[in-house]
Amino acid sequence: MSLPPSLLSLLSLLSIYIVLDIMIRTLREPLDLRISYHDPVWNEGLGWDRTTVHR
């Protein structure tokens, strides 16, 4: 069974997005501590929770 090219590209994009998301979540803890003290506005701009700023 072969998938149409459009569906195949959509699936590959989705898998790339999932892998990136997992990597970002893994790296997020050390990044939060470093960034939150320098620029809380940038944190909020990225959509990270505000609690990281006040830690």
N, C-alpha and C. Protein backbone atom coordinates (compact mmCIF):
# COMPACT_ATOMS: atom_id res chain seq x y z
N MET A 1 0.85 -1.20 0.00
CA MET A 1 0.00 0.00 0.00
C MET A 1 0.88 1.25 0.00
N SER A 2 0.69 2.10 -0.97
CA SER A 2 1.49 3.33 -1.05
C SER A 2 0.63 4.55 -0.75
N LEU A 3 1.19 5.46 0.02
CA LEU A 3 0.47 6.67 0.38
C LEU A 3 0.70 7.75 -0.67
N PRO A 4 -0.28 8.64 -0.86
CA PRO A 4 -0.08 9.78 -1.76
C PRO A 4 1.02 10.71 -1.23
N PRO A 5 1.76 11.36 -2.12
CA PRO A 5 2.90 12.21 -1.71
C PRO A 5 2.54 13.29 -0.70
N SER A 6 1.35 13.88 -0.85
CA SER A 6 0.95 14.95 0.06
C SER A 6 0.81 14.43 1.49
N LEU A 7 0.21 13.25 1.61
CA LEU A 7 0.03 12.65 2.93
C LEU A 7 1.38 12.25 3.52
N LEU A 8 2.26 11.76 2.66
CA LEU A 8 3.59 11.35 3.09
C LEU A 8 4.38 12.55 3.63
N SER A 9 4.33 13.67 2.92
CA SER A 9 5.05 14.86 3.37
C SER A 9 4.45 15.41 4.65
N LEU A 10 3.14 15.32 4.78
CA LEU A 10 2.46 15.77 5.99
C LEU A 10 2.91 14.93 7.19
N LEU A 11 2.99 13.62 6.99
CA LEU A 11 3.44 12.73 8.06
C LEU A 11 4.88 13.01 8.45
N SER A 12 5.74 13.26 7.47
CA SER A 12 7.14 13.54 7.78
C SER A 12 7.29 14.85 8.54
N LEU A 13 6.51 15.86 8.13
CA LEU A 13 6.53 17.14 8.84
C LEU A 13 6.06 16.96 10.28
N LEU A 14 5.03 16.16 10.46
CA LEU A 14 4.49 15.92 11.78
C LEU A 14 5.51 15.23 12.67
N SER A 15 6.19 14.23 12.12
CA SER A 15 7.19 13.50 12.91
C SER A 15 8.37 14.40 13.28
N ILE A 16 8.78 15.28 12.34
CA ILE A 16 9.84 16.23 12.64
C ILE A 16 9.41 17.16 13.77
N TYR A 17 8.17 17.64 13.70
CA TYR A 17 7.64 18.54 14.72
C TYR A 17 7.62 17.86 16.09
N ILE A 18 7.21 16.59 16.13
CA ILE A 18 7.14 15.86 17.39
C ILE A 18 8.53 15.68 17.99
N VAL A 19 9.50 15.32 17.15
CA VAL A 19 10.88 15.14 17.62
C VAL A 19 11.43 16.45 18.17
N LEU A 20 11.21 17.55 17.45
CA LEU A 20 11.67 18.86 17.91
C LEU A 20 11.01 19.24 19.22
N ASP A 21 9.71 18.96 19.34
CA ASP A 21 8.97 19.28 20.55
C ASP A 21 9.54 18.54 21.75
N ILE A 22 9.85 17.25 21.57
CA ILE A 22 10.43 16.45 22.66
C ILE A 22 11.80 17.00 23.04
N MET A 23 12.61 17.35 22.04
CA MET A 23 13.94 17.91 22.31
C MET A 23 13.83 19.21 23.08
N ILE A 24 12.90 20.08 22.67
CA ILE A 24 12.73 21.37 23.34
C ILE A 24 12.28 21.17 24.78
N ARG A 25 11.35 20.24 25.00
CA ARG A 25 10.90 19.97 26.36
C ARG A 25 12.03 19.45 27.24
N THR A 26 12.91 18.63 26.66
CA THR A 26 14.04 18.09 27.41
C THR A 26 15.04 19.19 27.75
N LEU A 27 15.29 20.08 26.79
CA LEU A 27 16.26 21.15 27.00
C LEU A 27 15.69 22.32 27.79
N ARG A 28 14.37 22.32 27.96
CA ARG A 28 13.68 23.48 28.50
C ARG A 28 14.08 23.81 29.93
N GLU A 29 14.28 22.79 30.76
CA GLU A 29 14.56 23.04 32.18
C GLU A 29 15.82 23.87 32.39
N PRO A 30 16.99 23.46 31.86
CA PRO A 30 18.18 24.31 32.01
C PRO A 30 18.05 25.65 31.30
N LEU A 31 17.34 25.68 30.17
CA LEU A 31 17.16 26.94 29.45
C LEU A 31 16.32 27.92 30.26
N ASP A 32 15.26 27.42 30.89
CA ASP A 32 14.37 28.27 31.67
C ASP A 32 15.15 29.03 32.73
N LEU A 33 15.98 28.31 33.47
CA LEU A 33 16.72 28.93 34.56
C LEU A 33 17.65 30.01 34.04
N ARG A 34 18.27 29.75 32.90
CA ARG A 34 19.22 30.72 32.35
C ARG A 34 18.50 31.95 31.78
N ILE A 35 17.46 31.71 30.97
CA ILE A 35 16.81 32.82 30.27
C ILE A 35 15.94 33.66 31.21
N SER A 36 15.22 33.01 32.12
CA SER A 36 14.20 33.70 32.90
C SER A 36 14.77 34.87 33.70
N TYR A 37 16.02 34.77 34.11
CA TYR A 37 16.60 35.85 34.89
C TYR A 37 17.00 37.03 34.01
N HIS A 38 17.27 36.77 32.73
CA HIS A 38 17.73 37.83 31.85
C HIS A 38 16.55 38.58 31.22
N ASP A 39 15.61 37.86 30.67
CA ASP A 39 14.58 38.50 29.88
C ASP A 39 13.23 37.80 30.01
N PRO A 40 12.46 38.14 31.03
CA PRO A 40 11.15 37.50 31.25
C PRO A 40 10.18 37.75 30.10
N VAL A 41 10.30 38.89 29.43
CA VAL A 41 9.38 39.19 28.34
C VAL A 41 9.57 38.21 27.20
N TRP A 42 10.84 37.86 26.94
CA TRP A 42 11.14 36.92 25.87
C TRP A 42 10.53 35.56 26.19
N ASN A 43 10.59 35.16 27.47
CA ASN A 43 9.96 33.90 27.89
C ASN A 43 8.48 33.90 27.55
N GLU A 44 7.80 34.99 27.91
CA GLU A 44 6.36 35.05 27.68
C GLU A 44 6.06 35.08 26.19
N GLY A 45 6.94 35.72 25.42
CA GLY A 45 6.76 35.77 23.98
C GLY A 45 6.81 34.39 23.35
N LEU A 46 7.64 33.51 23.94
CA LEU A 46 7.74 32.15 23.43
C LEU A 46 6.59 31.27 23.90
N GLY A 47 5.74 31.83 24.78
CA GLY A 47 4.61 31.07 25.27
C GLY A 47 4.95 30.19 26.45
N TRP A 48 6.12 30.45 27.08
CA TRP A 48 6.46 29.67 28.26
C TRP A 48 5.72 30.23 29.45
N ASP A 49 5.45 29.38 30.42
CA ASP A 49 4.64 29.82 31.55
C ASP A 49 5.38 30.86 32.39
N ARG A 50 4.62 31.74 32.99
CA ARG A 50 5.17 32.86 33.72
C ARG A 50 5.85 32.45 35.02
N THR A 51 5.55 31.26 35.51
CA THR A 51 6.10 30.81 36.79
C THR A 51 7.62 30.70 36.73
N THR A 52 8.17 30.47 35.54
CA THR A 52 9.62 30.34 35.42
C THR A 52 10.32 31.65 35.75
N VAL A 53 9.64 32.76 35.54
CA VAL A 53 10.25 34.07 35.76
C VAL A 53 10.44 34.33 37.25
N HIS A 54 9.48 33.87 38.04
CA HIS A 54 9.50 34.22 39.46
C HIS A 54 10.20 33.20 40.33
N ARG A 55 10.80 32.17 39.69
CA ARG A 55 11.45 31.13 40.47
C ARG A 55 12.62 31.67 41.25
